[in-house]
Structure formats: C-alpha cells, structure tokens
C-alpha cells in the first residue's frame, strides 16, 4: 500500500476475529512494520462480536488511513454487528467526508449454513435482538446501512460507501439499488466509463464490488476503475480504486502530523500543560501582545481594517507557541532492556486482571496474551481483588523506580549489553562482540553529551571553556586533576 501511495485502504472479508486483543495487536504491529512507525497510520478494523475459537473468523472489514491525511480524522466508528466501519475526515470550510467500508453477506440460507459462517453469525445476532425475519440477512443490512448513511447526510456529511456487496447493481430490489436511490449515491466508475461486461470475482460473472459516492464528489475524481486480478493484492476479487484531487476533495492541504517523539508538548502529560501556558502567556506579555490586540479590536469597532497588524499578531502568537514548547523539559523514553520490559508487562498484566475481576468484561484472552509475553519467567496471578490491588501498587512502584533509575544512569541497559557481549564471547563471535562494543561506546558517548547539554542550558551565554575529568572514576570531585582529551583513559 505504501509503494502504491494509497492514502485510504479498505479491505473486506478479512476473516480475522478483531474482538481478540492479540489479533488487533498483530494488525498494528504489521502496519507499524510496513509504514515505519506507529504514528504513520490510523487503523479501524471490526468483525462480529461473536467470539471464535481461533484468530480466524468469517467476515470482517478494515480501513487504514496513512500519511498526513490521518490528521484530518474527526471520528471513527463501527457497526455493532460487524457489517461496516467508517472514518470521518475534516475539511476546510466544507462538509465533512465520511468513508464507509462494508461487507454484505452472500445470498444464503442461514438455517443450512455452517456453524461458523458469517451468515450464521448475523442470523444469531438478529435473532438475539428479536428482529422480525432474522433470516433475511441482506434486507436488514441494506435497511440499516441506508438509515446510517441518511443520518450522516442529515448532519451535512458527504458520504462514500465502498465494499463487497455480493450483488450486481440492478440485480436485487431493495439492496444496492435501494442504497443508491434512497441516499442519492452514484457509481463513479459506471458514470465515467460506462457499463462493463466483466466480473470482479474470479469465480463469478458479475460486478460485486463498488465504490459509491455523493454526486458532489464526482468533480474531485481524477481517475477510477478496476484492476486486473492479482495486480497489487493477492485476492479472488479485483482491486477497485478511485484517485481524487485531494485539494478539491478535502478543500486544502493536509495538516502534517509530527511524531510524538519530536513534539515539544504532549497533551496527555498533565505536568506539561501548566508550564506551557505560563511560558506562552509570559512571552506574549513581554512583547506587548495583549495591548496590541486591544488596538486591533478598536480598529474592528471603527471599521478600519488593519491587516498588517493582524498578521503581525498572528505571527507573534505562533512564535509564542513555539517558544513555550521549547521551554518545556524533554522526557525521553528509557532505553530497552529485557528487565524493564518484564516489569512493564507485569504492571499491564495486573491492570488487566484487576479489570477482569471488577467488571463484567471477560478479559481471559487478553490476560493469556500478556502472560505469554513473560515467556519462561512466568507470573502467578492474584486470586482476589485485594491481593490484586496490593500487587498492582507494588508492580507500579517497581516499574516507576526502575524507569527513573534507567533514565538517570541506565543500569539495566548497561547490564543487558554486558550480558550480550558475554554471550557473544562464549560463542566466539568476534564480529558480534565488536558490533556490541561499538554500540556500548556510542551510548556512553551519547550519555556524556546529554549531560553536557544540560550543563550548557544553565549558562546564559557562551560555551564551555574546559571541564575536569577524574583520573580515577571512583574519585570524588575534590582534588580532581585536569586531563587533556588525549590523556583520557579508554575502556577496553
């Protein structure tokens, strides 16, 4: 998908039980591996709420928004029966765009279907809800989808519906035709290229896969069509696509999202919020911004526009935001070590166990998944709520203490590297030993430069003239002799 430069990907009949935590985690891990980091995409996957014995389950849909367009996302959601998912995108001065991905069950008799088929799952859900004619699966899907789309349209949304409908346009009364007529949606491929005489399913004769859009979106489409089988995706269905002019479709260029690691402020860190606004307010006060705002307001009351002043105030406000962010202390993640991972996993495990004990939600699968991460270390679960709360507090304390010490001196990371070097030496892998020692020296150097940066931040101006290096690392600061850089001992 990344090589194809696809911004919004939609997959149907994924056959994954996304009700299971480890399935959702695996999807995110695979997407992270494909796109480089977890902030490069936004995933929205769903299936029926019926649990399967394994990760495979008939049905399922998935949406994936990648690149800068995820910064437009206003809302994401799903149908309670696992029939569709949707994502709503913000547009500048325009109606929101909502993209829906759906999978409609094939024509079948749920009374004779297999015990785990998608049809049987839906039939069970409709029966449990007490619907009339629960066996009429496609009718319920069509009516519910029309109601959902009309509700969005009543709120001003321009809607796009894509999916595998398992029916041809004009073939079934009350199905796909009902959606197009009741919601005023059109097929842009049919409108652009005319009727086609081919199948989108390799064992069928008709077009079963469609992208339907609001007519107002038609001018934004640059090209559209169906791909050859296996052109980009190995599937028994053809790929279907539309390529839009994003400036026309969304109304402006997308907001570029910065990775969390590179952001000056993260809104979920409460201790950053107060200092950020204090620094921002102080900067604006120092530059007489509030008095100039009063001047601009007077110009507006007098109906005498002052565009230059307004632009200057806006630029100063942006500068104040950047200044306030730069003034905040940086909180880096602790370096990797197996022991820190183990402590974090235990903490997560106990939090999940506590939720399992104190709510009506069955988290057995999630607990087992987290326990598997502990591998051979193992961990005995508490058997009561009080015992779990006590273990929670201790696990949180152990993890927090280890994190603080690791950020300060990195003892666990250093011990981990030493153990890796020892293991490599025992295996007589000289190349690996050399590589690990190189990593060890690089991390030590990085730690020294971090400390130097902290020292320099305390100096109003200028740099460092000299600094003292102890000949003996165990020696206290008193009576330390100064060495030239060339005279500093190196670690073997």
Foldseek 3Di string as FASTA:
>chain_A
DVVVVDFKDKDKFPQFAVLFPVRVVVVQVVVCVVQVHSVFKDKDKFAAPDDDPDGGATIIMIMMGGFLQVLQWDDKAADNGRFKIKTWGAFPVAFIEIEMEGEADADDFLVPDDCGHSLVSQLVVCVVVPHPPSRPRQLVVLVVVLVVLVVSVVVPYWYKYWYFQNDAVPGDPNHPVVSCVSNVKDFLCCVPPNDDFADQAQPDGHDRTTIITHPVQNVFWPDWDWADAPPPDPDRGTDTDTDGNCCVNRVHDGDGDDDPLPWLDDVVPVVLVVQLVVQLVVQCVVVVLVVLVVVQVVCVVVVNHDVVSVVVSVVSSVVSNVRSSVPDDRDDFFDDFVVLVLLVLQLVLLVLVLCCQPDPDHCPSVNVVSQVVNPPVGDDHDDDNVVSVVSNVVSVVVNVVVRVVRVVPNPRVVVRLVVVLVVCVVVVPVVVNVVSVVVVVVVVVVVVVVVLVVVVVVPPDDHDPADFDAQDPVDDPPPGDRDDPVPRDDDD
